[in-house]
Protein backbone atom coordinates (compact mmCIF):
# COMPACT_ATOMS: atom_id res chain seq x y z
CA MET A 1 -10.46 11.86 8.43
CA ALA A 2 -11.88 11.10 5.09
CA PRO A 3 -15.30 11.96 3.30
CA GLU A 4 -16.54 8.37 3.47
CA HIS A 5 -17.81 8.19 -0.23
CA LEU A 6 -18.10 4.79 -1.56
CA GLU A 7 -15.11 5.14 -4.02
CA HIS A 8 -11.78 7.08 -4.57
CA GLN A 9 -9.69 7.13 -7.45
CA MET A 10 -5.98 8.26 -7.93
CA LEU A 11 -3.74 8.31 -11.16
CA TRP A 12 0.03 8.74 -10.08
CA LYS A 13 3.07 9.52 -12.54
CA ARG A 14 6.10 7.78 -11.70
CA LEU A 15 9.01 10.33 -11.32
CA ASP A 16 12.21 7.63 -11.06
CA ARG A 17 11.38 6.10 -14.19
CA ARG A 18 8.53 5.97 -17.35
CA GLY A 19 5.23 4.64 -16.14
CA HIS A 20 1.85 5.30 -14.24
CA GLU A 21 -0.37 3.88 -11.76
CA ALA A 22 -4.05 3.94 -11.30
CA ALA A 23 -5.80 2.80 -7.92
CA ARG A 24 -9.36 2.52 -6.46
CA LEU A 25 -10.47 2.49 -3.27
CA SER A 26 -14.15 1.08 -2.38
CA LEU A 27 -15.66 1.18 1.14
CA ASP A 28 -18.45 -0.89 2.42
CA PRO A 29 -19.15 0.44 5.94
CA SER A 30 -22.43 -1.52 6.22
CA GLY A 31 -20.64 -4.84 5.33
CA SER A 32 -20.66 -7.54 7.80
CA ALA A 33 -18.08 -8.25 10.21
CA ASN A 34 -16.70 -11.15 8.21
CA SER A 35 -16.70 -9.41 5.14
CA ALA A 36 -14.19 -7.08 3.27
CA ARG A 37 -15.01 -3.29 4.43
CA TRP A 38 -12.60 -1.68 2.10
CA ARG A 39 -10.99 -2.97 -1.11
CA LEU A 40 -8.05 -1.32 -2.95
CA VAL A 41 -7.56 -2.08 -6.67
CA GLY A 42 -4.90 -0.90 -8.93
CA ALA A 43 -2.60 -1.39 -11.89
CA ALA A 44 0.94 -0.05 -12.48
CA ALA A 45 2.57 -0.02 -15.80
CA PHE A 46 6.43 1.19 -15.81
CA ALA A 47 9.70 0.36 -17.32
CA TYR A 48 12.18 -1.78 -15.14
CA GLU A 49 15.53 -2.48 -16.69
CA GLY A 50 14.57 -1.70 -20.05
CA ASP A 51 11.58 -4.07 -19.85
CA PRO A 52 7.74 -3.29 -19.76
CA CYS A 53 5.97 -4.29 -16.67
CA LEU A 54 2.27 -4.43 -15.78
CA LEU A 55 1.17 -5.31 -12.30
CA SER A 56 -2.24 -5.60 -11.14
CA TYR A 57 -3.39 -5.84 -7.52
CA GLN A 58 -6.19 -6.23 -5.27
CA ILE A 59 -6.05 -5.94 -1.55
CA SER A 60 -9.00 -6.28 1.02
CA GLY A 61 -9.29 -5.52 4.58
CA ASP A 62 -11.64 -5.39 7.68
CA ALA A 63 -13.19 -2.57 9.38
CA ASP A 64 -9.82 -1.52 11.48
CA TRP A 65 -8.07 -0.96 8.03
CA ARG A 66 -5.85 -4.35 8.86
CA THR A 67 -5.02 -6.24 5.59
CA VAL A 68 -6.76 -9.54 5.04
CA THR A 69 -5.89 -10.88 1.48
CA ALA A 70 -4.31 -9.47 -1.57
CA THR A 71 -3.20 -10.58 -4.98
CA VAL A 72 -0.90 -9.34 -7.50
CA THR A 73 -0.53 -10.88 -10.95
CA GLY A 74 0.78 -9.27 -14.47
CA TRP A 75 4.55 -9.61 -15.95
CA VAL A 76 7.84 -8.04 -15.51
CA GLY A 77 9.43 -8.45 -18.85
CA VAL A 78 9.10 -12.07 -19.75
CA ARG A 79 8.48 -13.23 -16.05
CA SER A 80 4.66 -13.86 -15.47
CA ILE A 81 3.79 -13.01 -11.89
CA GLU A 82 0.81 -14.39 -9.69
CA VAL A 83 1.07 -13.79 -5.96
CA HIS A 84 -1.75 -14.78 -3.56
CA LEU A 85 -1.17 -13.22 0.06
CA ALA A 86 -3.35 -13.92 3.10
CA ARG A 87 -3.43 -12.59 6.98
CA ASN A 88 -5.45 -14.59 9.26
CA ALA A 89 -7.00 -13.74 12.70
CA ALA A 90 -3.67 -14.52 14.72
CA ASP A 91 -1.80 -12.09 12.20
CA ARG A 92 0.01 -14.90 10.48
CA TRP A 93 0.87 -14.61 6.61
CA THR A 94 0.74 -16.87 3.86
CA LEU A 95 2.39 -16.26 0.35
CA ASN A 96 0.98 -18.73 -2.39
CA GLY A 97 -0.18 -20.80 0.50
CA GLU A 98 3.29 -21.00 2.16
CA SER A 99 3.68 -19.63 5.61
CA CYS A 100 5.77 -16.62 6.01
CA PRO A 101 6.84 -16.69 10.00
CA ALA A 102 8.99 -13.60 9.21
CA VAL A 103 6.10 -11.29 8.81
CA ALA A 104 4.07 -12.47 11.64
CA GLY A 105 2.21 -9.75 13.80
CA CYS A 106 2.21 -7.46 10.64
CA LEU A 107 -1.11 -5.61 10.09
CA ASP A 108 -0.22 -4.02 6.81
CA LEU A 109 0.70 -4.95 3.34
CA ASP A 110 3.26 -2.50 1.72
CA LEU A 111 3.66 -3.12 -2.11
CA ASN A 112 7.21 -2.07 -2.81
CA PHE A 113 6.17 -0.92 -6.58
CA SER A 114 3.32 1.20 -5.48
CA PRO A 115 2.37 4.35 -3.59
CA SER A 116 -1.23 3.19 -2.90
CA THR A 117 -0.60 1.22 0.33
CA ASN A 118 0.99 3.95 2.34
CA LEU A 119 -2.86 4.87 2.42
CA LEU A 120 -3.70 1.62 4.76
CA PRO A 121 -1.21 2.44 8.07
CA ILE A 122 -2.51 6.31 7.36
CA ARG A 123 -6.25 4.99 7.74
CA ARG A 124 -5.52 2.48 10.34
CA LEU A 125 -3.52 4.69 12.67
CA GLY A 126 -5.53 8.00 12.33
CA LEU A 127 -2.68 10.21 13.84
CA ALA A 128 -3.49 13.61 14.72
CA ILE A 129 -0.97 16.67 13.92
CA GLY A 130 2.34 15.93 15.94
CA GLN A 131 1.73 12.17 16.79
CA VAL A 132 4.07 9.57 15.67
CA ALA A 133 3.57 5.65 15.48
CA GLU A 134 5.92 2.91 14.41
CA VAL A 135 4.58 0.09 12.45
CA ARG A 136 5.89 -3.29 10.88
CA ALA A 137 4.80 -3.80 7.68
CA ALA A 138 4.65 -7.04 5.53
CA TRP A 139 6.75 -5.80 2.28
CA LEU A 140 6.32 -7.30 -0.95
CA ARG A 141 9.47 -6.45 -2.41
CA PHE A 142 9.82 -5.82 -6.10
CA PRO A 143 11.00 -7.56 -8.26
CA GLU A 144 11.77 -10.53 -6.13
CA PHE A 145 8.16 -10.68 -4.84
CA THR A 146 9.23 -12.03 -1.57
CA LEU A 147 7.49 -10.91 1.79
CA GLU A 148 9.49 -9.49 4.23
CA PRO A 149 9.08 -7.37 7.45
CA LEU A 150 9.99 -3.74 7.06
CA THR A 151 9.83 -1.11 10.12
CA GLN A 152 8.24 2.26 9.19
CA SER A 153 7.39 5.25 11.18
CA TYR A 154 4.86 7.81 10.18
CA ARG A 155 5.10 11.22 11.81
CA ARG A 156 2.00 13.32 10.94
CA THR A 157 3.35 17.14 10.43
CA SER A 158 0.35 18.80 9.22
CA GLU A 159 -3.16 18.13 8.06
CA THR A 160 -1.68 16.93 4.56
CA THR A 161 1.78 15.85 5.31
CA TYR A 162 3.57 12.85 6.88
CA ARG A 163 7.16 12.08 7.80
CA TYR A 164 7.87 8.73 6.69
CA GLU A 165 10.83 6.67 7.53
CA SER A 166 12.13 3.26 6.93
CA SER A 167 14.99 0.78 7.24
CA GLY A 168 15.94 2.43 10.69
CA GLY A 169 15.63 6.05 9.51
CA ALA A 170 17.92 5.16 6.46
CA PHE A 171 15.17 6.07 4.06
CA VAL A 172 13.20 9.37 4.82
CA ALA A 173 10.36 10.93 2.61
CA HIS A 174 7.94 13.78 3.54
CA LEU A 175 4.53 12.46 1.97
CA THR A 176 1.67 14.59 0.82
CA VAL A 177 -1.81 13.17 1.23
CA ASN A 178 -5.31 13.80 0.22
CA ALA A 179 -8.26 13.74 2.47
CA VAL A 180 -8.66 10.25 1.65
CA GLY A 181 -5.13 9.22 2.91
CA PHE A 182 -3.83 8.85 -0.52
CA VAL A 183 -0.16 9.83 -1.08
CA THR A 184 -0.23 12.82 -3.89
CA ARG A 185 3.38 13.74 -3.81
CA TYR A 186 6.12 10.94 -2.95
CA PRO A 187 9.33 13.07 -3.80
CA HIS A 188 11.58 11.48 -6.25
CA PHE A 189 9.04 8.63 -6.89
CA TRP A 190 5.43 9.36 -7.53
CA GLN A 191 3.31 12.47 -8.36
CA ALA A 192 -0.49 12.52 -8.51
CA GLU A 193 -2.04 13.60 -11.70
CA ILE A 194 -5.75 12.99 -11.03
CA GLY A 195 -7.68 12.18 -7.78
CA SER A 196 -10.88 12.04 -6.09
């Protein structure tokens, strides 16, 4: 799907509120089976209910594009945020060391506040045009920072577009992506400004 350079970067502008986000995907195709084969890091600065927010994240995963660990740190208004997530070999998740049985079996992490994590199932699924797949993601809800299951559907409609559905079709968006799999347009929410 993507040119396998070692790093890819994106900068998005929020469309629904004031804010920006930047992310970098680093690939290590030569890593060992036990090491992270990719790392997605980023930071989002935006307004929420009149307060400034800053959230930084680091997500790493295996050669099959399954999330293994993640951290989210920063602040939402006056509230400090520090979240540590992990998925083990049995696909069981923890949030700050506490078991999250509701998301057992999920392979992807979805950050509710970010367009970056749509990349993960897009890369993992590798859909051909016309194909559709349903996934169940571990969804880190904003601003609660709870981990919940979210059933999602991705239908690849062209080289650069996917029809995305969640909540049983209650939410539908037509996502435009680049060759790497990063979303470049998420209608009403995010628009890429710079990408490589």
